[in-house]
Amino acid sequence: MTDSPYLFRAADHPLKAANERLKVREAHSGFGIALRYQERAPDPAAPEPNWCETGHSIFILSGRIQYRFDDHTVEAGPGDMLHIPAGLEHRHKPSVIGEEVVRYVLTEFG
C-alpha cells in the first residue's frame, strides 16, 4: 500500500493519558492541523477546565459532552458534529454529561 500525506494511520500513534480523565491519540498533518482521537472520562469532582480559544471540528462517536460558551451551552452525543472557530469570541469549556466516557474525533487549528 502506498504512503500518503493525506492518510492518518491511527494504530501507529499510541493512546496516551494527558491527565487522569483524558486520553489522546494524536497526529499532526503537514497542513498545520492536529488530528486527534480522544476519550474523556466523567469526573464530577474535577475542577472546571480553563477556557479554550483553539478552533476545533468535532465528531462524537459515543457518550455525551457539553460545551459552555460565554453566551450559551450546547450538548452533543453520538453522530453529532460541532465546528468551533478559533478566537476569544468562541472560547469554550468542555465537560462530560453522565457516567459514560465520551469518545470523539477532532481536528485542531489555530
Protein backbone atom coordinates (compact mmCIF):
# COMPACT_ATOMS: atom_id res chain seq x y z
CA MET A 1 0.00 0.00 0.00
CA THR A 2 1.28 3.46 -0.87
CA ASP A 3 2.02 6.01 1.85
CA SER A 4 0.14 9.27 1.52
CA PRO A 5 0.35 12.64 3.29
CA TYR A 6 -3.47 12.50 3.48
CA LEU A 7 -3.70 9.28 5.50
CA PHE A 8 -3.62 9.15 9.30
CA ARG A 9 -2.80 5.62 10.48
CA ALA A 10 -4.26 5.76 13.98
CA ALA A 11 -2.70 2.45 15.03
CA ASP A 12 0.76 4.00 14.55
CA HIS A 13 0.06 6.52 17.32
CA PRO A 14 -0.38 5.33 20.91
CA LEU A 15 -3.32 6.33 23.09
CA LYS A 16 -1.64 8.41 25.82
CA ALA A 17 -3.03 9.74 29.08
CA ALA A 18 -2.99 13.54 29.00
CA ASN A 19 -4.34 13.55 32.57
CA GLU A 20 -6.50 11.35 34.84
CA ARG A 21 -9.63 11.92 32.74
CA LEU A 22 -8.32 12.41 29.19
CA LYS A 23 -6.62 10.01 26.78
CA VAL A 24 -5.40 11.26 23.40
CA ARG A 25 -4.16 9.70 20.15
CA GLU A 26 -2.67 12.50 18.05
CA ALA A 27 -1.02 13.14 14.72
CA HIS A 28 0.00 16.45 13.17
CA SER A 29 -0.62 16.86 9.47
CA GLY A 30 1.74 18.67 7.15
CA PHE A 31 -1.06 21.22 6.71
CA GLY A 32 -0.94 22.78 10.20
CA ILE A 33 -3.81 20.74 11.63
CA ALA A 34 -3.67 18.35 14.59
CA LEU A 35 -5.82 15.23 14.19
CA ARG A 36 -6.95 13.62 17.44
CA TYR A 37 -8.97 10.75 18.83
CA GLN A 38 -9.90 11.49 22.45
CA GLU A 39 -11.53 9.67 25.34
CA ARG A 40 -12.78 11.97 28.11
CA ALA A 41 -13.97 10.33 31.34
CA PRO A 42 -16.56 11.88 33.65
CA ASP A 43 -15.35 13.23 36.98
CA PRO A 44 -17.86 15.35 38.91
CA ALA A 45 -15.15 16.27 41.45
CA ALA A 46 -12.74 17.63 38.82
CA PRO A 47 -12.09 21.37 38.77
CA GLU A 48 -13.70 23.30 35.93
CA PRO A 49 -11.41 23.38 32.87
CA ASN A 50 -9.79 26.56 31.62
CA TRP A 51 -11.31 28.41 28.68
CA CYS A 52 -10.11 27.09 25.30
CA GLU A 53 -9.76 29.52 22.38
CA THR A 54 -8.45 26.97 19.87
CA GLY A 55 -10.62 26.11 16.88
CA HIS A 56 -11.99 22.56 16.53
CA SER A 57 -14.18 20.44 14.31
CA ILE A 58 -15.53 17.53 16.38
CA PHE A 59 -17.39 14.27 15.64
CA ILE A 60 -18.86 12.47 18.66
CA LEU A 61 -18.59 8.66 18.50
CA SER A 62 -20.10 7.73 21.89
CA GLY A 63 -21.10 9.33 25.17
CA ARG A 64 -22.36 12.87 25.69
CA ILE A 65 -20.39 16.10 26.01
CA GLN A 66 -21.31 19.68 26.80
CA TYR A 67 -19.53 22.80 25.58
CA ARG A 68 -20.10 26.01 27.52
CA PHE A 69 -19.61 29.30 25.68
CA ASP A 70 -19.90 32.85 27.04
CA ASP A 71 -23.48 33.19 25.83
CA HIS A 72 -24.86 29.62 25.66
CA THR A 73 -24.28 25.91 26.29
CA VAL A 74 -24.62 23.08 23.77
CA GLU A 75 -24.87 19.31 24.33
CA ALA A 76 -23.72 16.75 21.76
CA GLY A 77 -23.94 12.97 21.51
CA PRO A 78 -23.19 10.09 19.13
CA GLY A 79 -23.28 11.15 15.49
CA ASP A 80 -23.30 14.87 16.30
CA MET A 81 -20.74 17.20 14.76
CA LEU A 82 -19.57 20.58 16.04
CA HIS A 83 -17.44 23.27 14.48
CA ILE A 84 -15.98 25.84 16.87
CA PRO A 85 -13.94 28.62 15.24
CA ALA A 86 -10.73 29.82 16.89
CA GLY A 87 -10.67 33.02 18.91
CA LEU A 88 -11.72 34.72 22.11
CA GLU A 89 -15.29 35.25 20.89
CA HIS A 90 -15.67 31.45 20.51
CA ARG A 91 -13.96 30.39 23.75
CA HIS A 92 -15.41 27.26 25.31
CA LYS A 93 -15.17 24.75 28.17
CA PRO A 94 -15.95 21.04 27.63
CA SER A 95 -17.46 18.71 30.22
CA VAL A 96 -18.78 15.14 30.16
CA ILE A 97 -22.50 14.58 30.66
CA GLY A 98 -23.43 11.42 32.56
CA GLU A 99 -21.32 8.44 33.55
CA GLU A 100 -20.14 7.23 30.12
CA VAL A 101 -16.69 8.01 28.67
CA VAL A 102 -17.03 10.35 25.69
CA ARG A 103 -15.17 9.17 22.59
CA TYR A 104 -14.69 11.66 19.77
CA VAL A 105 -12.50 12.66 16.85
CA LEU A 106 -11.42 16.25 16.37
CA THR A 107 -9.23 18.46 14.27
CA GLU A 108 -7.49 21.37 15.92
CA PHE A 109 -6.46 24.52 14.16
CA GLY A 110 -5.23 27.92 15.22
